[in-house]
């Protein structure tokens, strides 16, 4: 199986929302998200629950739970076997909030318009 590159989306100002979110997590949760990212690298689009879920319109979420805390990092795939991590959030509701999916779609459109993939 071919591994894929996992990269962080960077905004026009150079900030990387997903990377900043992950680095701000406590050690246990950061370890869980890092494990999910490593699984994404090795399994790519074959990665499924409990580590990943498809949210629709090309947007996926990496899933991590540590204790009672639940974190998600949204991502999308581009050509050349790459996954782009857009941003993360701490999940407080049963469903992934629509505004988080909308943000991931906005970041994807921005990424594609600037990177030309």
N, C-alpha and C. Protein backbone atom coordinates (compact mmCIF):
# COMPACT_ATOMS: atom_id res chain seq x y z
N UNK A 1 0.85 -1.19 0.00
CA UNK A 1 0.00 0.00 0.00
C UNK A 1 0.89 1.25 0.00
N UNK A 2 0.50 2.20 -0.78
CA UNK A 2 1.27 3.44 -0.93
C UNK A 2 0.95 4.42 0.20
N UNK A 3 2.01 4.98 0.78
CA UNK A 3 1.77 5.99 1.82
C UNK A 3 1.45 7.33 1.17
N UNK A 4 0.78 8.17 1.92
CA UNK A 4 0.44 9.49 1.40
C UNK A 4 1.11 10.56 2.26
N UNK A 5 1.28 11.72 1.68
CA UNK A 5 1.80 12.86 2.42
C UNK A 5 0.64 13.54 3.13
N UNK A 6 0.84 13.89 4.37
CA UNK A 6 -0.15 14.66 5.13
C UNK A 6 0.48 16.02 5.40
N UNK A 7 -0.17 17.06 4.91
CA UNK A 7 0.37 18.40 5.06
C UNK A 7 -0.65 19.29 5.78
N UNK A 8 -0.15 20.38 6.33
CA UNK A 8 -1.01 21.34 7.00
C UNK A 8 -1.39 22.46 6.04
N UNK A 9 -2.68 22.74 5.97
CA UNK A 9 -3.16 23.92 5.22
C UNK A 9 -2.55 25.15 5.86
N UNK A 10 -2.06 26.04 5.02
CA UNK A 10 -1.56 27.32 5.54
C UNK A 10 -2.34 28.45 4.91
N UNK A 11 -2.81 29.34 5.77
CA UNK A 11 -3.55 30.50 5.31
C UNK A 11 -2.59 31.45 4.58
N UNK A 12 -3.15 32.43 3.91
CA UNK A 12 -2.34 33.40 3.16
C UNK A 12 -1.32 34.10 4.07
N UNK A 13 -1.65 34.25 5.35
CA UNK A 13 -0.72 34.92 6.28
C UNK A 13 0.33 33.96 6.86
N UNK A 14 0.30 32.69 6.41
CA UNK A 14 1.29 31.72 6.85
C UNK A 14 0.90 30.90 8.06
N UNK A 15 -0.20 31.26 8.72
CA UNK A 15 -0.61 30.48 9.90
C UNK A 15 -1.21 29.15 9.45
N UNK A 16 -1.08 28.15 10.30
CA UNK A 16 -1.56 26.80 10.00
C UNK A 16 -2.54 26.38 11.10
N UNK A 17 -3.85 26.59 10.87
CA UNK A 17 -4.84 26.34 11.91
C UNK A 17 -4.79 24.94 12.52
N UNK A 18 -4.63 23.90 11.71
CA UNK A 18 -4.62 22.53 12.26
C UNK A 18 -3.38 22.30 13.11
N UNK A 19 -2.24 22.77 12.63
CA UNK A 19 -0.99 22.60 13.38
C UNK A 19 -1.06 23.34 14.72
N UNK A 20 -1.61 24.55 14.70
CA UNK A 20 -1.75 25.33 15.93
C UNK A 20 -2.72 24.65 16.90
N UNK A 21 -3.81 24.09 16.38
CA UNK A 21 -4.76 23.39 17.22
C UNK A 21 -4.09 22.19 17.89
N UNK A 22 -3.39 21.39 17.11
CA UNK A 22 -2.76 20.17 17.63
C UNK A 22 -1.69 20.52 18.67
N UNK A 23 -0.89 21.53 18.39
CA UNK A 23 0.18 21.88 19.33
C UNK A 23 -0.38 22.43 20.64
N UNK A 24 -1.62 22.93 20.62
CA UNK A 24 -2.25 23.46 21.82
C UNK A 24 -2.96 22.42 22.67
N UNK A 25 -3.04 21.19 22.18
CA UNK A 25 -3.73 20.13 22.92
C UNK A 25 -2.86 19.61 24.06
N UNK A 26 -3.50 19.04 25.07
CA UNK A 26 -2.72 18.42 26.14
C UNK A 26 -2.02 17.17 25.57
N UNK A 27 -1.04 16.69 26.30
CA UNK A 27 -0.16 15.63 25.81
C UNK A 27 -0.91 14.36 25.38
N UNK A 28 -1.88 13.93 26.16
CA UNK A 28 -2.61 12.71 25.84
C UNK A 28 -3.42 12.83 24.56
N UNK A 29 -4.13 13.94 24.41
CA UNK A 29 -4.93 14.15 23.21
C UNK A 29 -4.03 14.34 21.99
N UNK A 30 -2.94 15.07 22.18
CA UNK A 30 -2.00 15.28 21.06
C UNK A 30 -1.46 13.93 20.57
N UNK A 31 -1.19 13.01 21.50
CA UNK A 31 -0.71 11.68 21.13
C UNK A 31 -1.76 10.92 20.32
N UNK A 32 -3.02 11.04 20.72
CA UNK A 32 -4.11 10.36 19.99
C UNK A 32 -4.27 10.92 18.58
N UNK A 33 -4.23 12.24 18.45
CA UNK A 33 -4.36 12.86 17.12
C UNK A 33 -3.15 12.50 16.26
N UNK A 34 -1.97 12.50 16.85
CA UNK A 34 -0.75 12.14 16.11
C UNK A 34 -0.86 10.71 15.60
N UNK A 35 -1.39 9.82 16.42
CA UNK A 35 -1.57 8.43 15.99
C UNK A 35 -2.53 8.37 14.80
N UNK A 36 -3.62 9.13 14.86
CA UNK A 36 -4.58 9.15 13.76
C UNK A 36 -3.94 9.71 12.49
N UNK A 37 -3.10 10.73 12.62
CA UNK A 37 -2.39 11.29 11.45
C UNK A 37 -1.46 10.24 10.85
N UNK A 38 -0.76 9.50 11.70
CA UNK A 38 0.14 8.46 11.20
C UNK A 38 -0.63 7.35 10.49
N UNK A 39 -1.81 7.01 11.00
CA UNK A 39 -2.65 6.03 10.32
C UNK A 39 -3.13 6.57 8.97
N UNK A 40 -3.45 7.85 8.91
CA UNK A 40 -3.85 8.48 7.65
C UNK A 40 -2.71 8.39 6.64
N UNK A 41 -1.48 8.59 7.09
CA UNK A 41 -0.32 8.50 6.20
C UNK A 41 -0.19 7.10 5.59
N UNK A 42 -0.45 6.08 6.39
CA UNK A 42 -0.26 4.72 5.89
C UNK A 42 -1.49 4.14 5.19
N UNK A 43 -2.67 4.56 5.60
CA UNK A 43 -3.89 3.98 5.02
C UNK A 43 -4.58 4.88 4.02
N UNK A 44 -4.28 6.18 4.06
CA UNK A 44 -4.87 7.11 3.10
C UNK A 44 -6.39 7.08 3.11
N UNK A 45 -6.96 7.02 1.92
CA UNK A 45 -8.42 7.07 1.80
C UNK A 45 -9.10 5.80 2.32
N UNK A 46 -8.32 4.78 2.66
CA UNK A 46 -8.90 3.56 3.23
C UNK A 46 -9.12 3.66 4.74
N UNK A 47 -8.63 4.72 5.36
CA UNK A 47 -8.79 4.90 6.80
C UNK A 47 -10.27 5.14 7.13
N UNK A 48 -10.79 4.39 8.07
CA UNK A 48 -12.21 4.46 8.44
C UNK A 48 -12.37 4.65 9.94
N UNK A 49 -13.62 4.62 10.39
CA UNK A 49 -13.93 4.70 11.81
C UNK A 49 -13.20 3.60 12.54
N UNK A 50 -12.76 3.82 13.74
CA UNK A 50 -13.02 4.98 14.60
C UNK A 50 -12.06 6.15 14.37
N UNK A 51 -11.10 6.02 13.45
CA UNK A 51 -10.08 7.05 13.29
C UNK A 51 -10.46 8.16 12.33
N UNK A 52 -11.32 7.85 11.37
CA UNK A 52 -11.69 8.82 10.35
C UNK A 52 -13.15 8.63 9.98
N UNK A 53 -13.77 9.72 9.55
CA UNK A 53 -15.16 9.64 9.07
C UNK A 53 -15.33 10.63 7.92
N UNK A 54 -16.12 10.22 6.94
CA UNK A 54 -16.44 11.08 5.81
C UNK A 54 -17.62 11.97 6.20
N UNK A 55 -17.46 13.27 6.01
CA UNK A 55 -18.51 14.23 6.40
C UNK A 55 -19.34 14.71 5.22
N UNK A 56 -18.88 14.42 3.99
CA UNK A 56 -19.60 14.85 2.80
C UNK A 56 -18.82 15.88 2.02
N UNK A 57 -19.10 15.94 0.71
CA UNK A 57 -18.50 16.92 -0.20
C UNK A 57 -16.96 16.94 -0.12
N UNK A 58 -16.36 15.77 0.02
CA UNK A 58 -14.91 15.69 0.00
C UNK A 58 -14.21 16.05 1.30
N UNK A 59 -14.98 16.29 2.35
CA UNK A 59 -14.40 16.66 3.64
C UNK A 59 -14.46 15.46 4.59
N UNK A 60 -13.35 15.20 5.26
CA UNK A 60 -13.23 14.11 6.22
C UNK A 60 -12.82 14.67 7.58
N UNK A 61 -12.96 13.85 8.62
CA UNK A 61 -12.47 14.25 9.93
C UNK A 61 -11.63 13.13 10.53
N UNK A 62 -10.50 13.52 11.12
CA UNK A 62 -9.74 12.62 11.96
C UNK A 62 -10.36 12.70 13.34
N UNK A 63 -10.50 11.56 13.99
CA UNK A 63 -11.23 11.50 15.24
C UNK A 63 -10.30 11.03 16.35
N UNK A 64 -10.38 11.69 17.50
CA UNK A 64 -9.59 11.28 18.66
C UNK A 64 -10.38 11.54 19.92
N UNK A 65 -10.27 10.60 20.83
CA UNK A 65 -10.91 10.76 22.14
C UNK A 65 -9.89 10.39 23.20
N UNK A 66 -9.81 11.26 24.20
CA UNK A 66 -8.92 11.01 25.33
C UNK A 66 -9.70 11.36 26.58
N UNK A 67 -9.99 10.36 27.39
CA UNK A 67 -10.88 10.58 28.53
C UNK A 67 -12.24 10.97 28.01
N UNK A 68 -12.81 12.03 28.54
CA UNK A 68 -14.12 12.48 28.08
C UNK A 68 -14.01 13.54 26.98
N UNK A 69 -12.80 13.91 26.62
CA UNK A 69 -12.60 14.94 25.59
C UNK A 69 -12.58 14.30 24.20
N UNK A 70 -13.19 15.00 23.26
CA UNK A 70 -13.24 14.54 21.87
C UNK A 70 -12.71 15.66 20.99
N UNK A 71 -11.72 15.33 20.18
CA UNK A 71 -11.16 16.32 19.24
C UNK A 71 -11.31 15.81 17.82
N UNK A 72 -11.42 16.76 16.92
CA UNK A 72 -11.52 16.45 15.50
C UNK A 72 -10.58 17.37 14.72
N UNK A 73 -9.96 16.81 13.68
CA UNK A 73 -9.18 17.60 12.74
C UNK A 73 -9.74 17.29 11.36
N UNK A 74 -10.20 18.32 10.65
CA UNK A 74 -10.80 18.13 9.34
C UNK A 74 -9.73 18.16 8.26
N UNK A 75 -10.01 17.43 7.16
CA UNK A 75 -9.04 17.35 6.07
C UNK A 75 -9.73 17.01 4.76
N UNK A 76 -8.96 17.16 3.68
CA UNK A 76 -9.42 16.78 2.35
C UNK A 76 -8.23 16.21 1.59
N UNK A 77 -8.53 15.47 0.54
CA UNK A 77 -7.48 14.89 -0.30
C UNK A 77 -7.28 15.72 -1.55
N UNK A 78 -6.04 15.77 -2.02
CA UNK A 78 -5.74 16.38 -3.31
C UNK A 78 -4.93 15.37 -4.12
N UNK A 79 -4.74 15.67 -5.41
CA UNK A 79 -3.97 14.76 -6.25
C UNK A 79 -2.54 14.64 -5.73
N UNK A 80 -1.82 13.70 -6.25
CA UNK A 80 -0.46 13.40 -5.81
C UNK A 80 -0.43 12.78 -4.42
N UNK A 81 -1.48 12.03 -4.09
CA UNK A 81 -1.52 11.31 -2.80
C UNK A 81 -1.22 12.20 -1.61
N UNK A 82 -1.96 13.28 -1.49
CA UNK A 82 -1.80 14.17 -0.35
C UNK A 82 -3.12 14.38 0.36
N UNK A 83 -3.02 14.50 1.69
CA UNK A 83 -4.16 14.91 2.51
C UNK A 83 -3.77 16.23 3.15
N UNK A 84 -4.69 17.17 3.15
CA UNK A 84 -4.44 18.50 3.71
C UNK A 84 -5.30 18.66 4.96
N UNK A 85 -4.64 18.83 6.11
CA UNK A 85 -5.34 19.05 7.37
C UNK A 85 -5.69 20.53 7.46
N UNK A 86 -6.98 20.84 7.60
CA UNK A 86 -7.40 22.24 7.57
C UNK A 86 -7.39 22.90 8.94
N UNK A 87 -8.10 22.31 9.88
CA UNK A 87 -8.22 22.91 11.21
C UNK A 87 -8.78 21.86 12.17
N UNK A 88 -8.76 22.19 13.44
CA UNK A 88 -9.29 21.27 14.44
C UNK A 88 -10.18 21.98 15.42
N UNK A 89 -10.92 21.19 16.18
CA UNK A 89 -11.79 21.75 17.20
C UNK A 89 -12.10 20.67 18.23
N UNK A 90 -12.51 21.11 19.40
CA UNK A 90 -12.96 20.19 20.44
C UNK A 90 -14.45 20.00 20.24
N UNK A 91 -14.85 18.77 20.12
CA UNK A 91 -16.25 18.46 19.81
C UNK A 91 -17.08 18.48 21.08
N UNK A 92 -18.18 19.22 21.03
CA UNK A 92 -19.06 19.34 22.20
C UNK A 92 -20.47 18.83 21.92
N UNK A 93 -20.76 18.51 20.67
CA UNK A 93 -22.10 18.05 20.31
C UNK A 93 -21.98 16.69 19.61
N UNK A 94 -23.12 16.02 19.47
CA UNK A 94 -23.13 14.70 18.83
C UNK A 94 -22.68 14.77 17.38
N UNK A 95 -23.19 15.75 16.64
CA UNK A 95 -22.84 15.91 15.23
C UNK A 95 -21.73 16.94 15.08
N UNK A 96 -20.92 16.76 14.03
CA UNK A 96 -19.92 17.77 13.72
C UNK A 96 -20.66 19.04 13.30
N UNK A 97 -20.37 20.17 13.95
CA UNK A 97 -21.09 21.41 13.62
C UNK A 97 -20.93 21.81 12.15
N UNK A 98 -22.03 22.24 11.56
CA UNK A 98 -22.04 22.63 10.14
C UNK A 98 -21.02 23.73 9.87
N UNK A 99 -20.83 24.65 10.83
CA UNK A 99 -19.88 25.75 10.58
C UNK A 99 -18.44 25.24 10.48
N UNK A 100 -18.13 24.12 11.14
CA UNK A 100 -16.78 23.55 11.04
C UNK A 100 -16.56 22.93 9.65
N UNK A 101 -17.59 22.28 9.12
CA UNK A 101 -17.51 21.72 7.77
C UNK A 101 -17.40 22.85 6.75
N UNK A 102 -18.18 23.90 6.96
CA UNK A 102 -18.14 25.07 6.07
C UNK A 102 -16.74 25.70 6.08
N UNK A 103 -16.12 25.80 7.25
CA UNK A 103 -14.76 26.35 7.37
C UNK A 103 -13.78 25.49 6.59
N UNK A 104 -13.89 24.16 6.70
CA UNK A 104 -13.00 23.26 5.97
C UNK A 104 -13.16 23.45 4.46
N UNK A 105 -14.38 23.61 4.00
CA UNK A 105 -14.63 23.83 2.56
C UNK A 105 -14.03 25.16 2.11
N UNK A 106 -14.16 26.18 2.95
CA UNK A 106 -13.57 27.49 2.63
C UNK A 106 -12.05 27.36 2.54
N UNK A 107 -11.45 26.70 3.51
CA UNK A 107 -9.99 26.51 3.50
C UNK A 107 -9.55 25.71 2.27
N UNK A 108 -10.35 24.69 1.90
CA UNK A 108 -10.01 23.91 0.71
C UNK A 108 -10.04 24.78 -0.54
N UNK A 109 -11.09 25.58 -0.69
CA UNK A 109 -11.21 26.46 -1.86
C UNK A 109 -10.05 27.45 -1.90
N UNK A 110 -9.69 28.00 -0.73
CA UNK A 110 -8.57 28.92 -0.65
C UNK A 110 -7.27 28.22 -1.03
N UNK A 111 -7.06 27.02 -0.48
CA UNK A 111 -5.85 26.26 -0.77
C UNK A 111 -5.73 25.99 -2.27
N UNK A 112 -6.81 25.49 -2.86
CA UNK A 112 -6.77 25.14 -4.28
C UNK A 112 -6.58 26.37 -5.16
N UNK A 113 -7.15 27.50 -4.77
CA UNK A 113 -6.99 28.71 -5.59
C UNK A 113 -5.57 29.25 -5.51
N UNK A 114 -4.91 29.07 -4.36
CA UNK A 114 -3.54 29.59 -4.21
C UNK A 114 -2.48 28.59 -4.65
N UNK A 115 -2.73 27.31 -4.46
CA UNK A 115 -1.73 26.29 -4.78
C UNK A 115 -1.91 25.70 -6.17
N UNK A 116 -3.10 25.87 -6.73
CA UNK A 116 -3.35 25.44 -8.09
C UNK A 116 -3.42 23.93 -8.31
N UNK A 117 -3.72 23.18 -7.28
CA UNK A 117 -3.82 21.71 -7.45
C UNK A 117 -5.20 21.33 -7.93
